[in-house]
Protein backbone atom coordinates (compact mmCIF):
# COMPACT_ATOMS: atom_id res chain seq x y z
CA UNK A 1 0.02 -0.13 0.25
CA UNK A 2 1.12 3.57 -1.01
CA UNK A 3 1.24 6.31 2.12
CA UNK A 4 1.89 9.71 1.83
CA UNK A 5 3.35 11.11 5.00
CA UNK A 6 3.04 14.74 5.94
CA UNK A 7 5.22 16.37 8.64
CA UNK A 8 8.01 13.52 8.69
CA UNK A 9 10.47 15.58 10.77
CA UNK A 10 8.26 16.19 13.64
CA UNK A 11 8.40 14.85 16.91
CA UNK A 12 5.55 12.54 16.38
CA UNK A 13 6.33 12.29 12.67
CA UNK A 14 9.64 10.84 12.91
CA UNK A 15 8.40 7.41 14.77
CA UNK A 16 5.85 7.40 11.98
CA UNK A 17 8.03 7.26 9.23
CA UNK A 18 10.31 4.86 11.07
CA UNK A 19 6.83 2.82 11.65
CA UNK A 20 6.12 2.86 8.43
CA UNK A 21 9.22 2.41 6.89
CA UNK A 22 9.70 -0.43 8.38
CA UNK A 23 6.82 -2.13 7.05
CA UNK A 24 7.60 -4.02 3.71
CA UNK A 25 4.17 -4.07 2.94
CA UNK A 26 3.86 -0.22 2.67
CA UNK A 27 5.52 2.18 0.35
CA UNK A 28 5.72 5.53 1.77
CA UNK A 29 6.64 9.00 0.01
CA UNK A 30 7.67 12.03 2.20
CA UNK A 31 6.15 15.20 1.56
CA UNK A 32 7.45 17.93 3.53
CA UNK A 33 9.19 21.69 3.37
CA UNK A 34 12.85 20.35 3.86
CA UNK A 35 15.41 18.78 1.58
CA UNK A 36 14.95 15.40 3.02
CA UNK A 37 11.63 14.99 1.81
CA UNK A 38 10.47 13.29 -1.30
CA UNK A 39 8.48 15.98 -2.45
CA UNK A 40 9.47 19.71 -1.47
CA UNK A 41 6.18 21.33 -0.94
CA UNK A 42 4.66 24.21 1.51
CA UNK A 43 1.18 23.53 2.76
CA UNK A 44 0.73 26.87 4.16
CA UNK A 45 1.86 28.48 0.62
CA UNK A 46 1.05 25.79 -1.46
CA UNK A 47 -2.31 25.49 -3.91
CA UNK A 48 -4.24 22.61 -3.49
CA UNK A 49 -4.48 22.40 -7.53
CA UNK A 50 -0.40 21.89 -7.25
CA UNK A 51 -0.43 19.63 -4.59
CA UNK A 52 -3.62 17.65 -6.33
CA UNK A 53 -1.03 17.17 -9.55
CA UNK A 54 1.70 15.52 -6.88
CA UNK A 55 -0.78 13.19 -5.14
CA UNK A 56 -2.26 12.29 -8.55
CA UNK A 57 1.34 11.61 -9.38
CA UNK A 58 2.24 9.17 -6.38
CA UNK A 59 -1.20 7.98 -5.73
CA UNK A 60 -1.34 6.88 -2.08
CA UNK A 61 -4.09 4.68 -0.64
CA UNK A 62 -3.61 6.57 2.36
CA UNK A 63 -2.35 10.20 3.37
CA UNK A 64 -1.23 10.70 6.99
CA UNK A 65 -1.17 14.55 8.55
CA UNK A 66 1.35 14.87 11.23
CA UNK A 67 1.80 18.66 10.21
CA UNK A 68 1.35 21.41 12.05
CA UNK A 69 3.17 24.19 14.90
CA UNK A 70 2.51 24.13 18.56
CA UNK A 71 4.43 28.04 19.53
CA UNK A 72 3.79 30.81 17.40
CA UNK A 73 1.99 34.13 16.41
CA UNK A 74 -1.81 33.71 16.10
CA UNK A 75 -1.38 34.11 12.32
CA UNK A 76 1.53 31.45 12.22
CA UNK A 77 -0.64 28.53 13.96
CA UNK A 78 -3.81 29.56 12.00
CA UNK A 79 -0.95 29.31 8.52
CA UNK A 80 0.04 25.75 10.06
CA UNK A 81 -2.76 24.45 11.82
CA UNK A 82 -6.05 25.50 9.91
CA UNK A 83 -4.78 26.97 6.34
CA UNK A 84 -2.55 23.71 5.60
CA UNK A 85 -5.13 21.35 6.52
CA UNK A 86 -7.76 23.08 4.30
CA UNK A 87 -4.99 23.11 1.57
CA UNK A 88 -4.86 18.91 2.13
CA UNK A 89 -8.58 18.53 1.93
CA UNK A 90 -9.12 19.77 -0.93
CA UNK A 91 -6.22 18.74 -3.00
CA UNK A 92 -7.38 15.20 -1.90
CA UNK A 93 -10.96 16.50 -3.23
CA UNK A 94 -9.86 17.59 -6.56
CA UNK A 95 -7.37 14.07 -7.07
CA UNK A 96 -8.78 11.57 -9.35
CA UNK A 97 -8.78 8.75 -7.15
CA UNK A 98 -9.22 10.09 -3.40
CA UNK A 99 -7.00 8.25 -0.45
CA UNK A 100 -7.94 7.81 2.70
CA UNK A 101 -6.95 10.78 4.92
CA UNK A 102 -5.50 10.30 8.88
CA UNK A 103 -4.91 13.75 11.05
CA UNK A 104 -3.26 14.17 13.76
CA UNK A 105 -4.86 16.67 16.25
CA UNK A 106 -4.61 17.66 19.60
CA UNK A 107 -6.07 17.01 23.15
CA UNK A 108 -6.08 21.00 23.28
CA UNK A 109 -8.95 21.21 21.23
CA UNK A 110 -10.88 20.25 24.29
CA UNK A 111 -9.88 22.57 26.32
CA UNK A 112 -11.09 22.54 30.26
CA UNK A 113 -12.31 19.39 31.37
CA UNK A 114 -14.43 17.89 34.50
CA UNK A 115 -11.06 17.33 37.00
CA UNK A 116 -10.85 13.47 37.40
CA UNK A 117 -12.84 12.22 34.81
CA UNK A 118 -11.66 11.44 31.59
CA UNK A 119 -12.82 13.28 28.21
CA UNK A 120 -14.80 11.65 25.63
CA UNK A 121 -14.42 11.90 21.79
CA UNK A 122 -18.12 13.75 22.18
CA UNK A 123 -17.27 16.11 24.70
CA UNK A 124 -17.75 19.51 23.95
CA UNK A 125 -14.91 21.26 22.70
CA UNK A 126 -13.72 24.33 24.25
CA UNK A 127 -10.03 25.14 23.75
CA UNK A 128 -8.43 28.11 25.41
CA UNK A 129 -5.85 29.58 23.44
CA UNK A 130 -4.68 29.98 19.31
CA UNK A 131 -3.09 26.70 19.44
CA UNK A 132 -6.27 24.72 20.37
CA UNK A 133 -8.16 26.93 18.68
CA UNK A 134 -6.36 26.63 15.09
CA UNK A 135 -6.23 22.88 15.54
CA UNK A 136 -10.04 22.38 16.22
CA UNK A 137 -10.44 24.42 12.78
CA UNK A 138 -8.23 22.09 11.54
CA UNK A 139 -10.07 18.89 13.11
CA UNK A 140 -13.50 20.69 11.38
CA UNK A 141 -12.12 21.16 8.11
CA UNK A 142 -11.27 17.39 8.22
CA UNK A 143 -14.55 16.16 9.54
CA UNK A 144 -16.69 18.40 7.19
CA UNK A 145 -14.86 17.59 4.02
CA UNK A 146 -16.64 14.38 2.97
CA UNK A 147 -13.69 12.65 2.76
CA UNK A 148 -12.77 9.04 4.15
CA UNK A 149 -11.00 10.59 7.21
CA UNK A 150 -10.16 10.00 10.87
CA UNK A 151 -9.04 12.15 13.33
CA UNK A 152 -6.78 11.47 15.88
CA UNK A 153 -6.30 13.37 19.40
CA UNK A 154 -3.20 12.86 20.44
CA UNK A 155 -2.88 13.86 24.45
CA UNK A 156 0.50 14.14 25.66
CA UNK A 157 3.04 13.05 24.15
CA UNK A 158 6.44 11.78 25.92
CA UNK A 159 9.88 10.05 24.88
CA UNK A 160 12.89 9.98 23.01
CA UNK A 161 13.42 12.71 20.95
CA UNK A 162 10.98 15.08 22.56
CA UNK A 163 11.64 18.55 21.40
CA UNK A 164 13.96 21.26 23.49
CA UNK A 165 11.24 23.63 24.49
CA UNK A 166 8.86 21.14 25.73
CA UNK A 167 8.76 20.64 29.38
CA UNK A 168 10.47 16.92 29.49
CA UNK A 169 13.27 18.04 26.68
CA UNK A 170 13.84 21.48 29.52
CA UNK A 171 13.92 19.54 32.72
CA UNK A 172 16.05 16.77 30.66
CA UNK A 173 18.62 19.61 29.46
CA UNK A 174 18.75 21.15 33.08
CA UNK A 175 19.33 17.92 34.70
CA UNK A 176 22.06 17.57 32.36
CA UNK A 177 23.86 20.91 33.58
CA UNK A 178 23.20 20.31 36.95
CA UNK A 179 25.07 17.07 36.94
CA UNK A 180 28.03 18.52 34.92
CA UNK A 181 28.18 21.55 37.65
CA UNK A 182 27.33 19.77 40.73
CA UNK A 183 24.14 22.12 41.05
CA UNK A 184 22.44 21.31 44.22
CA UNK A 185 18.94 22.00 42.69
CA UNK A 186 16.94 22.18 39.52
CA UNK A 187 14.83 24.85 38.88
CA UNK A 188 11.36 24.02 37.53
CA UNK A 189 7.67 25.55 36.46
CA UNK A 190 4.63 24.97 38.26
CA UNK A 191 4.18 21.49 38.16
CA UNK A 192 0.83 21.00 39.50
CA UNK A 193 -1.07 19.88 36.61
CA UNK A 194 -2.68 16.60 35.67
CA UNK A 195 -1.48 15.21 32.29
CA UNK A 196 -2.42 11.93 29.88
CA UNK A 197 0.49 10.89 28.99
CA UNK A 198 1.56 8.52 26.42
CA UNK A 199 4.99 6.96 24.55
CA UNK A 200 5.30 8.76 21.14
CA UNK A 201 6.30 5.40 19.95
CA UNK A 202 2.81 4.16 20.92
CA UNK A 203 0.84 7.19 19.03
CA UNK A 204 2.77 6.38 16.25
CA UNK A 205 1.68 2.96 16.47
CA UNK A 206 -1.76 3.96 16.98
CA UNK A 207 -1.36 6.52 13.25
CA UNK A 208 -0.48 3.02 11.58
CA UNK A 209 -3.43 1.28 12.52
CA UNK A 210 -5.83 3.63 11.99
CA UNK A 211 -4.14 4.28 8.88
CA UNK A 212 -5.26 0.23 7.55
CA UNK A 213 -8.59 0.51 9.84
CA UNK A 214 -11.74 1.59 8.86
CA UNK A 215 -12.42 4.22 11.28
CA UNK A 216 -13.63 7.49 10.37
CA UNK A 217 -14.47 10.82 12.91
CA UNK A 218 -12.61 11.60 16.17
CA UNK A 219 -10.28 9.29 17.80
CA UNK A 220 -8.61 9.98 21.61
CA UNK A 221 -4.75 8.67 21.81
CA UNK A 222 -3.82 8.59 25.35
CA UNK A 223 -2.89 6.32 28.05
CA UNK A 224 -6.05 6.77 29.87
CA UNK A 225 -4.40 7.86 33.29
CA UNK A 226 -4.18 11.34 34.74
CA UNK A 227 -0.62 11.95 36.28
CA UNK A 228 0.56 15.13 38.12
CA UNK A 229 3.00 16.43 36.44
CA UNK A 230 5.35 16.78 39.35
CA UNK A 231 5.10 12.68 39.84
CA UNK A 232 6.34 12.17 36.19
CA UNK A 233 8.59 14.90 36.28
CA UNK A 234 10.42 13.05 39.28
CA UNK A 235 10.41 9.93 37.31
CA UNK A 236 13.00 11.60 34.93
CA UNK A 237 14.93 13.06 37.91
CA UNK A 238 15.12 9.39 39.26
CA UNK A 239 16.19 7.95 35.29
CA UNK A 240 18.73 10.93 35.63
CA UNK A 241 20.76 10.05 39.05
CA UNK A 242 20.31 13.14 40.28
CA UNK A 243 20.06 13.28 43.84
CA UNK A 244 19.55 17.77 44.20
CA UNK A 245 16.19 19.22 44.80
CA UNK A 246 13.47 19.74 41.98
CA UNK A 247 12.50 23.35 42.93
CA UNK A 248 9.20 24.62 41.21
CA UNK A 249 9.04 28.58 40.43
CA UNK A 250 5.37 29.13 39.83
CA UNK A 251 4.33 29.41 36.21
CA UNK A 252 6.23 28.25 33.29
CA UNK A 253 8.13 30.96 31.02
CA UNK A 254 6.82 31.33 27.52
CA UNK A 255 8.97 28.98 25.35
CA UNK A 256 11.19 29.36 23.06
CA UNK A 257 9.80 29.57 18.71
CA UNK A 258 9.95 26.38 17.03
CA UNK A 259 12.39 26.08 13.98
CA UNK A 260 10.74 26.81 10.66
CA UNK A 261 10.71 23.61 9.17
CA UNK A 262 9.17 19.91 8.97
CA UNK A 263 8.61 18.87 11.98
CA UNK A 264 9.75 21.15 15.03
CA UNK A 265 6.84 21.33 17.39
CA UNK A 266 4.73 18.95 19.52
CA UNK A 267 2.15 16.86 18.86
CA UNK A 268 3.16 17.03 15.17
CA UNK A 269 5.56 18.15 12.45
CA UNK A 270 5.62 21.81 11.09
CA UNK A 271 6.02 21.11 7.18
CA UNK A 272 3.75 23.86 6.73
CA UNK A 273 4.81 25.99 9.53
CA UNK A 274 6.19 29.25 8.83
CA UNK A 275 9.30 30.77 10.29
CA UNK A 276 9.20 33.86 12.36
CA UNK A 277 8.73 37.14 11.22
CA UNK A 278 11.41 38.51 14.00
CA UNK A 279 12.23 38.60 17.65
CA UNK A 280 8.98 41.01 18.80
CA UNK A 281 6.09 38.67 17.42
CA UNK A 282 4.59 37.03 20.66
CA UNK A 283 5.04 33.43 21.17
CA UNK A 284 1.90 31.40 23.21
CA UNK A 285 2.49 28.93 25.85
CA UNK A 286 0.34 25.81 26.22
CA UNK A 287 -3.48 26.00 27.45
CA UNK A 288 -3.41 26.58 31.30
CA UNK A 289 -5.71 23.29 31.68
CA UNK A 290 -5.29 21.66 35.23
CA UNK A 291 -6.57 18.21 33.68
CA UNK A 292 -6.58 16.36 30.86
CA UNK A 293 -6.80 12.13 31.10
CA UNK A 294 -8.69 10.65 27.40
CA UNK A 295 -11.21 8.20 27.52
CA UNK A 296 -9.38 5.67 25.55
CA UNK A 297 -12.32 3.20 24.69
CA UNK A 298 -12.52 4.38 20.82
CA UNK A 299 -9.16 3.55 20.37
CA UNK A 300 -9.37 -0.15 21.62
CA UNK A 301 -12.66 -0.94 20.08
CA UNK A 302 -12.10 0.63 16.88
CA UNK A 303 -7.98 0.40 16.47
CA UNK A 304 -7.67 -2.75 18.52
CA UNK A 305 -5.07 -0.36 20.09
CA UNK A 306 -3.83 -0.16 23.74
CA UNK A 307 -0.71 1.83 24.84
CA UNK A 308 2.22 -0.59 25.98
CA UNK A 309 5.13 1.64 26.92
CA UNK A 310 4.66 3.03 30.70
CA UNK A 311 5.52 6.50 31.61
CA UNK A 312 8.67 5.28 33.62
CA UNK A 313 9.96 3.98 30.44
CA UNK A 314 9.31 7.01 27.92
CA UNK A 315 11.02 9.20 30.48
CA UNK A 316 13.95 7.36 31.09
CA UNK A 317 14.65 7.14 27.37
CA UNK A 318 14.25 10.85 27.04
CA UNK A 319 16.99 10.88 29.66
CA UNK A 320 19.00 7.87 28.04
CA UNK A 321 19.06 10.40 24.80
CA UNK A 322 19.64 13.67 26.44
CA UNK A 323 22.63 12.46 28.12
CA UNK A 324 24.47 10.55 25.06
CA UNK A 325 23.82 13.51 23.41
CA UNK A 326 27.28 15.13 22.05
């Protein structure tokens, strides 16, 4: 089966690419902005007609869209997470043999949830910030396109390859510096919220399962467990061997902007994300949601998917990668 992958250089996209390329039954073509892509194309600037011509040449049976941006100005996020998705949907409609579309969405589309309760796919979306709003708009475009399509709403992906701008990417780098310098403590942002952490390799397996399934609509991808971020951070500290104190210092600072090319941000790649327009451009952090837990029954029932990798292993792998980095 021929598959076209968008956003293969992102955190999730890289793992999806690894999994698809290891399957001898699949022929994978990568489309993105970087030179490593088989087809170079900017989803946020290119026309649907041009993309449709690529689709007619490649003739994929499935298109997997891992492209998008997590951080940036409202305009940049709109281009990466909404305009790009509109281009993909329209191009698929115009192609001679429309492919099945698997789109990677985000739990940020849900916004706040009742404390202690898992969020089902039927929950009314109430995103709080530009990222969640633009991701929700992309999801709505896919669902209203009339295509054979599924949206995987990925919760909090962790694991090796975590972006340096992500919480655990920053904490792991901080732990490495603290160990190198013999510092007695590591400062961290507020870690009191609860998140549903799912290993990025399990997410890639879910994407592959969705690609070969008949599932349509929204499917939550998470561990099904709400974990206090502080407890997860302690697992990372334990994996590092750091015996100092983890000191929380209120709300997190604004994260750095992502790189302007494919796959620079969580949850997906950034094949369609334009670069920043200057140092003064505002940047937006993740939405301040206190509780996040996925109801994953749909993934189990319709994809035959369950998470396999425990959080402790995911974070140990994050540390191993950072510690071995030259």
